[in-house]
N, C-alpha and C. Protein backbone atom coordinates (compact mmCIF):
# COMPACT_ATOMS: atom_id res chain seq x y z
N MET A 1 -26.52 -13.40 23.88
CA MET A 1 -25.78 -13.37 22.50
C MET A 1 -26.96 -12.71 20.85
N ILE A 2 -26.30 -12.34 20.33
CA ILE A 2 -26.58 -11.56 19.82
C ILE A 2 -27.36 -12.33 18.25
N GLN A 3 -28.26 -12.06 17.71
CA GLN A 3 -28.91 -12.67 16.54
C GLN A 3 -28.21 -11.64 15.20
N LEU A 4 -27.03 -12.52 14.73
CA LEU A 4 -26.43 -12.01 13.33
C LEU A 4 -27.56 -12.28 12.06
N PRO A 5 -28.10 -11.47 11.13
CA PRO A 5 -28.52 -11.57 10.04
C PRO A 5 -27.26 -12.45 8.85
N ARG A 6 -27.63 -12.58 8.29
CA ARG A 6 -26.32 -13.72 7.31
C ARG A 6 -25.90 -12.16 6.57
N LEU A 7 -26.09 -11.13 6.73
CA LEU A 7 -25.34 -10.31 5.19
C LEU A 7 -25.26 -9.39 6.42
N TYR A 8 -24.17 -9.02 6.39
CA TYR A 8 -24.04 -7.55 6.91
C TYR A 8 -22.85 -6.32 6.21
N ALA A 9 -23.42 -5.69 5.80
CA ALA A 9 -23.53 -4.78 5.30
C ALA A 9 -22.14 -3.56 5.81
N ILE A 10 -21.16 -3.64 4.37
CA ILE A 10 -20.11 -2.39 5.31
C ILE A 10 -20.36 -0.79 4.52
N LEU A 11 -20.61 0.00 4.54
CA LEU A 11 -20.67 1.10 4.17
C LEU A 11 -19.42 1.97 3.94
N ASP A 12 -18.39 1.96 3.09
CA ASP A 12 -17.28 2.45 2.76
C ASP A 12 -16.86 4.19 2.46
N ALA A 13 -17.03 4.79 3.11
CA ALA A 13 -16.87 6.18 2.68
C ALA A 13 -16.09 6.73 1.52
N SER A 14 -14.93 6.31 1.72
CA SER A 14 -13.83 6.41 0.57
C SER A 14 -14.65 6.03 -0.78
N ARG A 15 -15.33 5.11 -1.02
CA ARG A 15 -16.12 4.87 -2.23
C ARG A 15 -16.76 5.72 -2.99
N PHE A 16 -17.33 7.05 -1.80
CA PHE A 16 -18.13 7.53 -2.22
C PHE A 16 -17.67 8.97 -2.80
N SER A 17 -18.21 9.97 -3.88
CA SER A 17 -17.16 11.01 -3.64
C SER A 17 -18.26 12.91 -3.15
N ASP A 18 -19.34 12.20 -2.50
CA ASP A 18 -20.22 12.63 -1.17
C ASP A 18 -20.95 12.41 -0.72
N THR A 19 -22.12 13.40 0.62
CA THR A 19 -22.39 12.06 1.41
C THR A 19 -23.77 11.51 0.60
N PRO A 20 -24.58 12.14 -0.15
CA PRO A 20 -26.11 12.07 -1.07
C PRO A 20 -25.76 10.63 -1.68
N PRO A 21 -24.57 10.22 -2.48
CA PRO A 21 -24.84 9.05 -3.30
C PRO A 21 -24.15 7.99 -2.00
N LEU A 22 -23.69 8.16 -0.94
CA LEU A 22 -23.44 6.91 0.43
C LEU A 22 -24.75 7.03 0.72
N LEU A 23 -25.45 8.12 1.05
CA LEU A 23 -26.87 7.56 1.53
C LEU A 23 -27.83 7.15 0.58
N SER A 24 -27.89 7.70 -0.71
CA SER A 24 -28.17 6.38 -1.42
C SER A 24 -28.13 4.83 -1.53
N VAL A 25 -27.03 4.28 -1.44
CA VAL A 25 -26.17 3.21 -1.29
C VAL A 25 -27.02 2.67 0.27
N ALA A 26 -26.77 3.27 0.99
CA ALA A 26 -27.49 2.44 1.86
C ALA A 26 -29.20 2.86 2.27
N GLU A 27 -29.83 3.40 1.19
CA GLU A 27 -31.30 3.32 1.13
C GLU A 27 -31.83 2.22 0.47
N GLN A 28 -31.01 1.80 -0.09
CA GLN A 28 -30.99 1.21 -1.39
C GLN A 28 -30.60 -0.30 -0.97
N LEU A 29 -29.43 -0.58 -0.10
CA LEU A 29 -29.35 -1.47 1.13
C LEU A 29 -30.62 -1.54 2.01
N GLN A 30 -31.38 -0.58 2.18
CA GLN A 30 -32.21 -1.05 3.01
C GLN A 30 -33.54 -1.78 2.60
N ALA A 31 -33.70 -0.95 1.59
CA ALA A 31 -35.22 -1.73 0.37
C ALA A 31 -34.24 -2.92 -0.02
N GLY A 32 -33.30 -3.47 -0.15
CA GLY A 32 -32.95 -4.86 -0.51
C GLY A 32 -33.19 -5.80 0.79
N GLY A 33 -32.85 -5.54 2.01
CA GLY A 33 -33.11 -6.42 2.93
C GLY A 33 -32.16 -6.40 4.39
N VAL A 34 -31.34 -5.72 4.13
CA VAL A 34 -30.01 -5.04 4.75
C VAL A 34 -30.89 -4.80 6.08
N THR A 35 -30.27 -5.45 7.77
CA THR A 35 -30.60 -5.18 8.69
C THR A 35 -29.88 -4.57 9.93
N LEU A 36 -28.05 -4.94 9.02
CA LEU A 36 -27.33 -4.54 9.48
C LEU A 36 -26.46 -4.37 8.60
N LEU A 37 -26.07 -2.53 9.25
CA LEU A 37 -24.87 -2.12 8.16
C LEU A 37 -24.09 -1.45 9.46
N GLN A 38 -22.35 -1.29 8.67
CA GLN A 38 -21.39 -0.80 9.59
C GLN A 38 -21.11 0.51 8.32
N TYR A 39 -21.19 1.24 9.30
CA TYR A 39 -20.06 2.97 9.01
C TYR A 39 -18.73 2.92 8.95
N ARG A 40 -18.02 3.11 7.63
CA ARG A 40 -16.57 3.28 8.08
C ARG A 40 -16.37 4.01 6.97
N ASN A 41 -15.38 5.22 8.21
CA ASN A 41 -14.70 6.40 7.85
C ASN A 41 -13.45 6.44 8.16
N LYS A 42 -12.30 5.83 7.30
CA LYS A 42 -10.97 6.15 7.95
C LYS A 42 -10.65 7.76 7.56
N LEU A 43 -11.31 8.16 6.73
CA LEU A 43 -10.04 9.63 6.52
C LEU A 43 -10.56 10.71 6.47
N GLY A 44 -12.47 10.67 6.88
CA GLY A 44 -12.86 12.00 7.26
C GLY A 44 -12.40 12.45 8.63
N ASN A 45 -12.67 14.11 9.20
CA ASN A 45 -12.43 14.39 10.40
C ASN A 45 -13.81 13.94 11.08
N ALA A 46 -13.69 13.89 12.38
CA ALA A 46 -14.65 13.78 12.97
C ALA A 46 -16.28 14.21 13.02
N ARG A 47 -16.10 15.63 12.63
CA ARG A 47 -17.75 16.22 12.17
C ARG A 47 -18.33 15.90 11.09
N ARG A 48 -17.06 15.68 10.15
CA ARG A 48 -17.59 15.29 8.90
C ARG A 48 -18.12 13.76 9.17
N ILE A 49 -17.50 12.44 9.62
CA ILE A 49 -18.15 11.49 9.87
C ILE A 49 -19.34 11.82 10.95
N LEU A 50 -19.55 12.45 11.83
CA LEU A 50 -20.73 12.72 13.25
C LEU A 50 -21.69 12.66 11.62
N GLU A 51 -21.10 13.87 11.03
CA GLU A 51 -22.71 14.45 10.04
C GLU A 51 -23.58 13.28 9.18
N GLN A 52 -22.52 12.88 8.63
CA GLN A 52 -22.86 11.16 7.74
C GLN A 52 -23.71 10.21 8.31
N ALA A 53 -23.11 10.22 9.98
CA ALA A 53 -23.40 8.69 10.72
C ALA A 53 -24.96 9.60 11.48
N ARG A 54 -25.25 10.71 11.07
CA ARG A 54 -26.19 10.91 11.68
C ARG A 54 -27.17 11.12 10.47
N GLU A 55 -26.80 11.61 9.70
CA GLU A 55 -28.16 11.71 8.58
C GLU A 55 -28.34 9.90 8.24
N LEU A 56 -27.47 9.58 8.02
CA LEU A 56 -27.84 7.61 7.97
C LEU A 56 -29.13 7.17 9.15
N LYS A 57 -28.50 7.44 10.11
CA LYS A 57 -29.50 7.09 11.52
C LYS A 57 -31.21 7.58 10.91
N ARG A 58 -30.73 9.31 10.30
CA ARG A 58 -32.06 9.85 10.29
C ARG A 58 -32.74 9.29 9.11
N ARG A 59 -31.92 8.73 7.88
CA ARG A 59 -32.64 8.35 6.95
C ARG A 59 -33.37 6.76 6.80
N LEU A 60 -32.25 6.02 8.13
CA LEU A 60 -32.19 4.45 8.13
C LEU A 60 -33.44 4.14 9.09
N GLY A 61 -33.60 4.72 10.25
CA GLY A 61 -34.78 4.69 11.47
C GLY A 61 -34.03 3.82 11.95
N ASN A 62 -34.91 3.00 12.61
CA ASN A 62 -34.62 1.88 13.74
C ASN A 62 -34.94 0.79 13.11
N THR A 63 -35.41 0.71 11.70
CA THR A 63 -35.10 -0.71 11.09
C THR A 63 -33.76 -1.81 10.38
N VAL A 64 -32.47 -0.42 10.43
CA VAL A 64 -31.36 -1.08 9.98
C VAL A 64 -30.35 -0.43 11.54
N ARG A 65 -29.74 -1.62 11.84
CA ARG A 65 -28.77 -1.48 13.31
C ARG A 65 -27.85 -1.11 12.69
N LEU A 66 -27.56 0.23 13.29
CA LEU A 66 -26.06 0.76 12.69
C LEU A 66 -24.75 0.55 13.17
N ILE A 67 -23.60 0.41 13.01
CA ILE A 67 -22.36 -0.19 13.53
C ILE A 67 -21.00 0.54 13.26
N MET A 68 -20.85 1.51 14.66
CA MET A 68 -20.12 2.97 13.73
C MET A 68 -18.54 2.09 13.48
N ASN A 69 -17.32 2.40 12.91
CA ASN A 69 -16.10 1.31 12.54
C ASN A 69 -15.04 2.10 13.56
N ASP A 70 -14.50 1.77 14.23
CA ASP A 70 -13.55 2.27 15.10
C ASP A 70 -13.77 3.45 16.16
N ARG A 71 -14.58 4.48 16.28
CA ARG A 71 -15.40 5.57 16.92
C ARG A 71 -16.15 4.65 17.85
N ALA A 72 -15.87 5.04 19.09
CA ALA A 72 -16.96 4.29 20.24
C ALA A 72 -17.66 6.14 20.15
N ASP A 73 -16.94 6.96 20.54
CA ASP A 73 -17.17 8.44 20.88
C ASP A 73 -18.33 8.98 19.72
N LEU A 74 -18.26 8.71 18.55
CA LEU A 74 -19.17 9.12 17.52
C LEU A 74 -19.85 8.01 17.31
N CYS A 75 -19.77 6.81 17.84
CA CYS A 75 -20.68 5.78 17.69
C CYS A 75 -22.33 6.60 18.90
N VAL A 76 -21.33 6.79 19.85
CA VAL A 76 -22.34 7.43 21.00
C VAL A 76 -22.92 8.60 20.47
N ALA A 77 -22.64 9.67 20.09
CA ALA A 77 -23.00 10.97 19.45
C ALA A 77 -23.57 10.78 18.73
N ALA A 78 -24.11 9.62 17.26
CA ALA A 78 -24.77 9.64 16.80
C ALA A 78 -25.95 8.63 17.00
N GLY A 79 -25.53 8.45 17.67
CA GLY A 79 -27.02 7.03 18.21
C GLY A 79 -26.88 6.04 17.38
N PHE A 80 -25.82 5.56 17.15
CA PHE A 80 -25.46 4.25 16.57
C PHE A 80 -25.95 3.04 17.63
N ASP A 81 -26.26 1.55 17.77
CA ASP A 81 -26.08 0.97 17.90
C ASP A 81 -25.17 0.12 18.59
N GLY A 82 -23.96 0.20 17.78
CA GLY A 82 -22.89 -0.12 18.59
C GLY A 82 -21.54 -0.07 17.75
N VAL A 83 -20.34 -0.37 18.39
CA VAL A 83 -19.34 -0.14 17.36
C VAL A 83 -18.16 -1.14 17.32
N HIS A 84 -17.51 -1.08 15.94
CA HIS A 84 -16.65 -2.28 15.51
C HIS A 84 -15.08 -1.67 15.75
N VAL A 85 -14.18 -2.24 16.32
CA VAL A 85 -12.69 -2.21 16.35
C VAL A 85 -12.13 -3.12 16.08
N GLY A 86 -11.20 -2.78 15.33
CA GLY A 86 -10.09 -3.16 14.94
C GLY A 86 -8.81 -3.66 16.15
N GLN A 87 -7.74 -4.40 15.61
CA GLN A 87 -6.28 -4.33 16.32
C GLN A 87 -5.58 -3.23 16.80
N GLU A 88 -5.86 -2.28 15.97
CA GLU A 88 -4.91 -0.82 15.98
C GLU A 88 -5.92 0.23 17.47
N ASP A 89 -7.36 -0.35 17.16
CA ASP A 89 -8.33 0.57 17.28
C ASP A 89 -7.99 0.93 19.13
N LEU A 90 -8.81 1.73 19.72
CA LEU A 90 -9.32 1.68 21.03
C LEU A 90 -9.63 0.01 21.75
N SER A 91 -8.68 -0.20 22.77
CA SER A 91 -9.43 -1.76 23.23
C SER A 91 -10.77 -1.97 23.35
N PRO A 92 -10.90 -3.46 23.16
CA PRO A 92 -12.59 -3.65 22.81
C PRO A 92 -13.23 -3.43 24.53
N GLU A 93 -12.60 -3.48 26.15
CA GLU A 93 -13.46 -2.63 26.94
C GLU A 93 -12.64 -1.50 26.92
N GLY A 94 -12.11 -0.76 26.65
CA GLY A 94 -12.48 0.72 26.31
C GLY A 94 -13.10 1.37 25.69
N ALA A 95 -13.59 0.29 24.27
CA ALA A 95 -14.83 0.97 23.65
C ALA A 95 -16.11 0.23 24.47
N ARG A 96 -16.04 -0.71 25.21
CA ARG A 96 -17.50 -0.92 26.21
C ARG A 96 -17.07 0.29 27.43
N LEU A 97 -16.28 0.66 27.47
CA LEU A 97 -16.34 1.87 29.14
C LEU A 97 -17.96 2.72 28.27
N VAL A 98 -17.15 3.06 26.96
CA VAL A 98 -17.96 4.53 26.42
C VAL A 98 -19.17 3.90 25.66
N VAL A 99 -19.23 3.17 25.16
CA VAL A 99 -20.73 2.78 24.51
C VAL A 99 -21.85 2.36 25.74
N GLY A 100 -21.02 1.53 26.57
CA GLY A 100 -22.26 1.33 27.73
C GLY A 100 -22.25 -0.26 27.09
N PRO A 101 -23.09 -0.80 28.89
CA PRO A 101 -23.28 -2.24 28.35
C PRO A 101 -24.54 -2.90 26.93
N ASP A 102 -25.17 -1.93 26.81
CA ASP A 102 -25.95 -2.65 26.12
C ASP A 102 -25.82 -2.16 24.92
N ALA A 103 -24.83 -1.78 24.15
CA ALA A 103 -24.45 -1.63 23.01
C ALA A 103 -23.83 -2.51 21.83
N ILE A 104 -23.86 -3.29 20.73
CA ILE A 104 -23.19 -4.06 20.03
C ILE A 104 -21.34 -3.70 20.05
N LEU A 105 -20.64 -4.39 20.48
CA LEU A 105 -19.65 -4.24 20.32
C LEU A 105 -18.89 -5.81 19.07
N GLY A 106 -18.97 -5.28 18.14
CA GLY A 106 -17.63 -6.29 17.77
C GLY A 106 -16.30 -6.03 17.18
N ILE A 107 -15.58 -7.24 17.49
CA ILE A 107 -13.89 -6.89 17.47
C ILE A 107 -13.21 -7.72 15.92
N SER A 108 -12.14 -6.88 15.49
CA SER A 108 -11.66 -7.92 13.66
C SER A 108 -10.46 -8.41 14.40
N THR A 109 -10.73 -9.67 14.03
CA THR A 109 -9.29 -10.74 14.57
C THR A 109 -8.60 -11.39 12.92
N HIS A 110 -7.78 -11.97 13.66
CA HIS A 110 -6.89 -12.21 11.99
C HIS A 110 -6.08 -12.93 12.01
N SER A 111 -5.85 -14.06 13.00
CA SER A 111 -5.10 -15.23 13.31
C SER A 111 -6.05 -15.69 14.48
N PRO A 112 -5.58 -17.50 14.67
CA PRO A 112 -6.46 -17.82 16.13
C PRO A 112 -6.02 -17.09 17.31
N GLU A 113 -4.96 -16.75 17.50
CA GLU A 113 -4.66 -16.10 18.62
C GLU A 113 -5.46 -14.87 18.78
N GLN A 114 -5.50 -14.55 18.08
CA GLN A 114 -6.05 -13.02 18.20
C GLN A 114 -7.32 -12.89 18.10
N LEU A 115 -8.19 -14.06 17.78
CA LEU A 115 -9.78 -14.69 18.26
C LEU A 115 -9.75 -15.33 19.29
N GLN A 116 -9.03 -15.84 19.92
CA GLN A 116 -9.30 -16.59 21.16
C GLN A 116 -8.79 -15.19 22.09
N LYS A 117 -8.14 -14.41 22.11
CA LYS A 117 -8.04 -13.17 23.33
C LYS A 117 -9.42 -12.11 23.44
N ALA A 118 -9.98 -11.79 21.75
CA ALA A 118 -10.66 -10.93 21.73
C ALA A 118 -11.60 -12.32 22.29
N ASP A 119 -12.39 -13.14 22.17
CA ASP A 119 -13.30 -14.29 22.83
C ASP A 119 -13.18 -14.05 24.04
N SER A 120 -12.55 -13.69 24.90
CA SER A 120 -12.78 -13.34 26.52
C SER A 120 -13.19 -12.22 26.82
N THR A 121 -13.32 -11.20 25.85
CA THR A 121 -13.64 -9.69 26.10
C THR A 121 -14.89 -9.40 26.27
N SER A 122 -15.84 -8.44 26.21
CA SER A 122 -16.97 -8.70 26.14
C SER A 122 -17.79 -8.22 25.20
N ALA A 123 -17.03 -8.76 23.90
CA ALA A 123 -17.51 -8.61 22.66
C ALA A 123 -18.73 -9.19 22.69
N ASN A 124 -19.60 -8.89 21.20
CA ASN A 124 -21.14 -9.70 21.03
C ASN A 124 -21.10 -10.39 19.99
N TYR A 125 -19.66 -9.87 19.02
CA TYR A 125 -19.12 -10.43 17.57
C TYR A 125 -18.12 -10.75 17.23
N LEU A 126 -17.44 -11.10 16.95
CA LEU A 126 -16.12 -11.58 16.72
C LEU A 126 -16.13 -11.83 15.03
N ALA A 127 -14.71 -10.81 14.61
CA ALA A 127 -14.54 -11.19 12.57
C ALA A 127 -13.64 -11.38 12.72
N ILE A 128 -13.59 -12.62 11.67
CA ILE A 128 -11.74 -13.29 11.23
C ILE A 128 -12.04 -13.22 9.38
N GLY A 129 -11.05 -12.48 9.19
CA GLY A 129 -10.37 -12.29 8.06
C GLY A 129 -9.16 -11.75 7.61
N PRO A 130 -8.83 -11.27 6.48
CA PRO A 130 -9.70 -11.52 5.73
C PRO A 130 -9.55 -12.76 5.06
N VAL A 131 -10.64 -13.34 4.38
CA VAL A 131 -11.17 -14.62 4.17
C VAL A 131 -10.40 -14.54 2.69
N PHE A 132 -10.17 -14.28 1.92
CA PHE A 132 -9.52 -14.20 0.59
C PHE A 132 -9.19 -12.71 0.14
N GLY A 133 -8.49 -12.83 -0.75
CA GLY A 133 -7.73 -11.27 -0.98
C GLY A 133 -8.78 -10.27 -1.40
N THR A 134 -8.25 -8.97 -0.33
CA THR A 134 -9.30 -7.92 -0.68
C THR A 134 -8.64 -6.58 -1.16
N ALA A 135 -9.25 -5.40 -1.78
CA ALA A 135 -8.99 -4.54 -2.06
C ALA A 135 -9.76 -3.61 -1.38
N SER A 136 -10.32 -3.56 0.00
CA SER A 136 -10.12 -2.30 0.62
C SER A 136 -9.55 -1.77 1.65
N LYS A 137 -8.30 -2.71 1.70
CA LYS A 137 -7.47 -2.08 2.73
C LYS A 137 -5.87 -2.29 2.06
N GLU A 138 -5.35 -0.96 2.34
CA GLU A 138 -3.97 -0.74 1.77
C GLU A 138 -3.25 -1.99 2.07
N ASN A 139 -3.26 -1.89 3.27
CA ASN A 139 -1.75 -2.88 3.70
C ASN A 139 -3.03 -3.96 4.18
N PRO A 140 -3.51 -5.32 3.52
CA PRO A 140 -4.12 -6.07 4.35
C PRO A 140 -3.58 -7.01 4.95
N ASP A 141 -3.72 -7.71 6.21
CA ASP A 141 -3.35 -9.12 6.90
C ASP A 141 -3.53 -10.11 5.62
N PRO A 142 -2.46 -10.64 6.20
CA PRO A 142 -2.48 -12.25 5.44
C PRO A 142 -3.76 -13.01 5.33
N VAL A 143 -4.13 -13.60 4.38
CA VAL A 143 -5.73 -14.05 3.99
C VAL A 143 -5.18 -15.04 4.96
N VAL A 144 -6.72 -15.85 5.40
CA VAL A 144 -7.01 -16.90 6.45
C VAL A 144 -7.52 -17.90 5.54
N GLY A 145 -8.67 -17.81 4.45
CA GLY A 145 -8.86 -18.67 3.93
C GLY A 145 -10.20 -19.48 4.23
N ILE A 146 -10.76 -20.51 3.41
CA ILE A 146 -12.19 -21.11 4.23
C ILE A 146 -11.48 -21.88 5.54
N ASP A 147 -10.32 -22.69 5.19
CA ASP A 147 -9.96 -23.25 6.83
C ASP A 147 -9.63 -22.10 7.94
N GLY A 148 -9.35 -20.82 7.63
CA GLY A 148 -9.49 -20.35 8.69
C GLY A 148 -10.39 -19.92 9.52
N VAL A 149 -11.91 -19.60 8.65
CA VAL A 149 -13.27 -19.78 9.14
C VAL A 149 -13.36 -20.99 10.14
N ARG A 150 -13.11 -22.14 9.46
CA ARG A 150 -13.31 -23.24 10.20
C ARG A 150 -12.55 -23.32 11.78
N GLN A 151 -11.40 -23.13 11.31
CA GLN A 151 -10.71 -22.80 12.37
C GLN A 151 -11.47 -21.88 13.66
N ALA A 152 -11.58 -20.32 13.62
CA ALA A 152 -12.07 -19.76 13.89
C ALA A 152 -13.44 -20.48 15.01
N ARG A 153 -14.09 -21.15 14.00
CA ARG A 153 -15.72 -21.12 14.23
C ARG A 153 -15.24 -22.51 15.38
N ALA A 154 -14.49 -23.05 15.34
CA ALA A 154 -13.61 -24.04 16.16
C ALA A 154 -13.41 -23.13 17.88
N LEU A 155 -13.23 -22.46 17.46
CA LEU A 155 -12.10 -22.01 18.73
C LEU A 155 -13.78 -20.40 19.61
N THR A 156 -14.86 -20.74 19.39
CA THR A 156 -15.73 -19.55 19.54
C THR A 156 -16.84 -19.61 19.75
N THR A 157 -18.06 -19.75 20.74
CA THR A 157 -18.98 -19.62 20.81
C THR A 157 -19.68 -18.12 20.44
N LYS A 158 -19.20 -17.53 20.25
CA LYS A 158 -19.75 -15.98 19.52
C LYS A 158 -19.89 -16.17 18.16
N PRO A 159 -21.25 -15.00 17.50
CA PRO A 159 -21.29 -15.38 16.65
C PRO A 159 -20.15 -14.88 15.82
N LEU A 160 -19.82 -15.15 14.64
CA LEU A 160 -19.04 -14.87 13.60
C LEU A 160 -19.16 -14.28 12.42
N VAL A 161 -18.06 -13.50 12.48
CA VAL A 161 -18.44 -12.88 11.15
C VAL A 161 -17.31 -12.94 10.39
N ALA A 162 -17.42 -13.25 8.65
CA ALA A 162 -16.06 -13.25 8.29
C ALA A 162 -16.46 -12.16 7.07
N ILE A 163 -15.01 -12.22 6.52
CA ILE A 163 -14.58 -10.19 6.25
C ILE A 163 -14.04 -10.57 5.45
N GLY A 164 -13.80 -10.04 4.16
CA GLY A 164 -12.42 -10.16 3.23
C GLY A 164 -12.77 -10.65 1.75
N GLY A 165 -13.23 -9.55 0.89
CA GLY A 165 -13.12 -10.36 -0.61
C GLY A 165 -13.89 -11.58 -1.03
N ILE A 166 -15.19 -10.90 0.15
CA ILE A 166 -15.88 -11.93 -0.12
C ILE A 166 -17.81 -11.37 -1.20
N THR A 167 -17.81 -12.15 -1.85
CA THR A 167 -18.63 -11.67 -3.10
C THR A 167 -20.21 -12.93 -3.38
N ARG A 168 -20.68 -12.69 -3.94
CA ARG A 168 -21.73 -13.69 -3.91
C ARG A 168 -21.52 -15.37 -4.17
N GLU A 169 -20.57 -15.24 -5.14
CA GLU A 169 -20.20 -16.46 -5.95
C GLU A 169 -19.09 -17.90 -4.77
N ASN A 170 -18.34 -16.59 -3.50
CA ASN A 170 -17.80 -17.38 -2.69
C ASN A 170 -18.92 -17.71 -1.25
N ALA A 171 -19.81 -16.70 -1.09
CA ALA A 171 -20.49 -16.35 0.43
C ALA A 171 -21.10 -17.80 0.78
N ARG A 172 -21.50 -18.48 -0.30
CA ARG A 172 -22.58 -20.05 0.65
C ARG A 172 -21.19 -20.45 1.19
N ALA A 173 -19.75 -20.31 0.20
CA ALA A 173 -19.10 -21.42 1.54
C ALA A 173 -18.56 -21.16 2.48
N VAL A 174 -18.49 -19.42 2.67
CA VAL A 174 -17.96 -19.30 3.93
C VAL A 174 -18.89 -19.42 5.16
N ILE A 175 -20.17 -19.52 4.84
CA ILE A 175 -21.56 -20.03 5.60
C ILE A 175 -21.69 -21.11 5.93
N GLU A 176 -20.93 -21.94 4.88
CA GLU A 176 -20.51 -23.23 5.26
C GLU A 176 -19.62 -24.16 6.19
N ALA A 177 -18.76 -22.96 5.86
CA ALA A 177 -17.42 -23.31 6.92
C ALA A 177 -17.63 -22.79 8.37
N GLY A 178 -18.64 -21.87 8.46
CA GLY A 178 -19.22 -22.03 9.97
C GLY A 178 -18.94 -20.15 10.40
N ALA A 179 -18.98 -19.63 9.47
CA ALA A 179 -19.18 -18.34 9.66
C ALA A 179 -20.70 -18.09 10.15
N ASP A 180 -21.32 -17.16 10.86
CA ASP A 180 -22.70 -16.69 10.94
C ASP A 180 -23.39 -15.78 9.71
N ALA A 181 -22.36 -14.70 9.84
CA ALA A 181 -22.83 -13.69 9.08
C ALA A 181 -21.51 -13.63 7.80
N VAL A 182 -21.61 -13.21 6.56
CA VAL A 182 -20.12 -12.73 5.66
C VAL A 182 -20.65 -10.72 5.85
N ALA A 183 -19.61 -10.64 6.33
CA ALA A 183 -19.76 -8.99 5.96
C ALA A 183 -18.99 -8.72 4.47
N VAL A 184 -19.64 -7.50 3.61
CA VAL A 184 -19.13 -7.28 2.42
C VAL A 184 -19.45 -5.86 2.14
N ILE A 185 -18.69 -5.54 1.01
CA ILE A 185 -18.47 -4.05 0.39
C ILE A 185 -18.06 -3.77 -0.83
N SER A 186 -17.43 -4.35 -1.74
CA SER A 186 -17.09 -4.07 -2.57
C SER A 186 -18.38 -4.88 -3.50
N ASP A 187 -19.03 -6.36 -3.17
CA ASP A 187 -20.08 -6.77 -4.09
C ASP A 187 -21.16 -6.37 -3.99
N LEU A 188 -21.79 -5.10 -2.60
CA LEU A 188 -22.38 -4.59 -3.07
C LEU A 188 -22.62 -3.26 -3.18
N VAL A 189 -21.59 -2.12 -4.07
CA VAL A 189 -21.84 -1.38 -4.29
C VAL A 189 -22.74 -0.70 -5.47
N GLY A 190 -22.41 -1.69 -6.83
CA GLY A 190 -22.63 -1.57 -7.85
C GLY A 190 -24.33 -1.21 -8.49
N GLU A 191 -24.99 -2.54 -7.67
CA GLU A 191 -26.43 -2.49 -7.48
C GLU A 191 -26.76 -2.64 -6.41
N PRO A 192 -26.60 -1.78 -5.26
CA PRO A 192 -27.06 -1.89 -3.76
C PRO A 192 -28.15 -3.26 -3.64
N ARG A 193 -29.02 -2.63 -3.91
CA ARG A 193 -30.59 -3.70 -3.65
C ARG A 193 -30.77 -4.95 -4.22
N LYS A 194 -30.05 -4.88 -5.63
CA LYS A 194 -30.33 -6.17 -6.54
C LYS A 194 -29.51 -7.32 -6.04
N SER A 195 -27.89 -6.83 -5.53
CA SER A 195 -26.80 -7.30 -5.23
C SER A 195 -27.37 -8.03 -3.48
N ALA A 196 -27.89 -7.22 -2.82
CA ALA A 196 -28.35 -7.71 -1.59
C ALA A 196 -29.22 -8.74 -1.55
N GLU A 197 -30.29 -8.30 -2.48
CA GLU A 197 -31.57 -9.19 -2.67
C GLU A 197 -31.22 -10.65 -3.44
N GLU A 198 -29.83 -10.45 -3.67
CA GLU A 198 -29.10 -12.13 -4.45
C GLU A 198 -28.63 -12.87 -3.34
N PHE A 199 -27.62 -11.83 -2.10
CA PHE A 199 -26.83 -12.17 -1.20
C PHE A 199 -27.85 -13.11 -0.58
N PHE A 200 -29.38 -12.55 -0.29
CA PHE A 200 -30.10 -13.02 0.80
C PHE A 200 -30.51 -14.47 0.58
N ARG A 201 -30.56 -14.19 -1.02
CA ARG A 201 -31.57 -15.70 -1.74
C ARG A 201 -30.22 -16.74 -1.19
N ILE A 202 -28.88 -16.23 -2.15
CA ILE A 202 -27.72 -17.31 -1.89
C ILE A 202 -27.71 -18.04 -0.07
N LEU A 203 -27.49 -16.89 0.40
CA LEU A 203 -27.25 -17.58 1.90
C LEU A 203 -28.64 -18.37 2.95
N GLY A 204 -29.90 -18.14 2.32
CA GLY A 204 -30.85 -18.50 2.89
C GLY A 204 -31.22 -18.09 3.58
């Protein structure tokens, strides 16, 4: 059973015009106390993704556990610590075959049924969401709300990550509903270090 920090930072490459600002934000998040970071790049080609991922690994070293979104093959190639797959990606067991038994494997779920199915896999943690309305996806799944987090908590003993529209204003309520960690994208971008530090103060 892995231990998750309260804050799970997600670095979405689509929010940056180029690699240098993406790397700068990553380093500021690290300075703010982030120890678990997911690199998400839905638009880049494999070469570009691998270049950015390897540079993230080089810059952040071993103080931050790095998770690759979607691409199990690039997770291995970049030397990342794990992969996170969605409902439309490679199956959890397919991803496990690629990354090996010791890597971290996370799965996105959006309903009790999906969560129960994911709970029976070799995933190390399960994500539930979107908890609130989110602008980070073009076609988001229906909002599950705080009650959805409570329901998910009752269905699994695995570490639970809540995602979707989570900010410093609502994060505490999400943790109190049973999530072990909150995954955050938008509310970390403006002032990454300051925002991360405030999240950790709020979440205890």
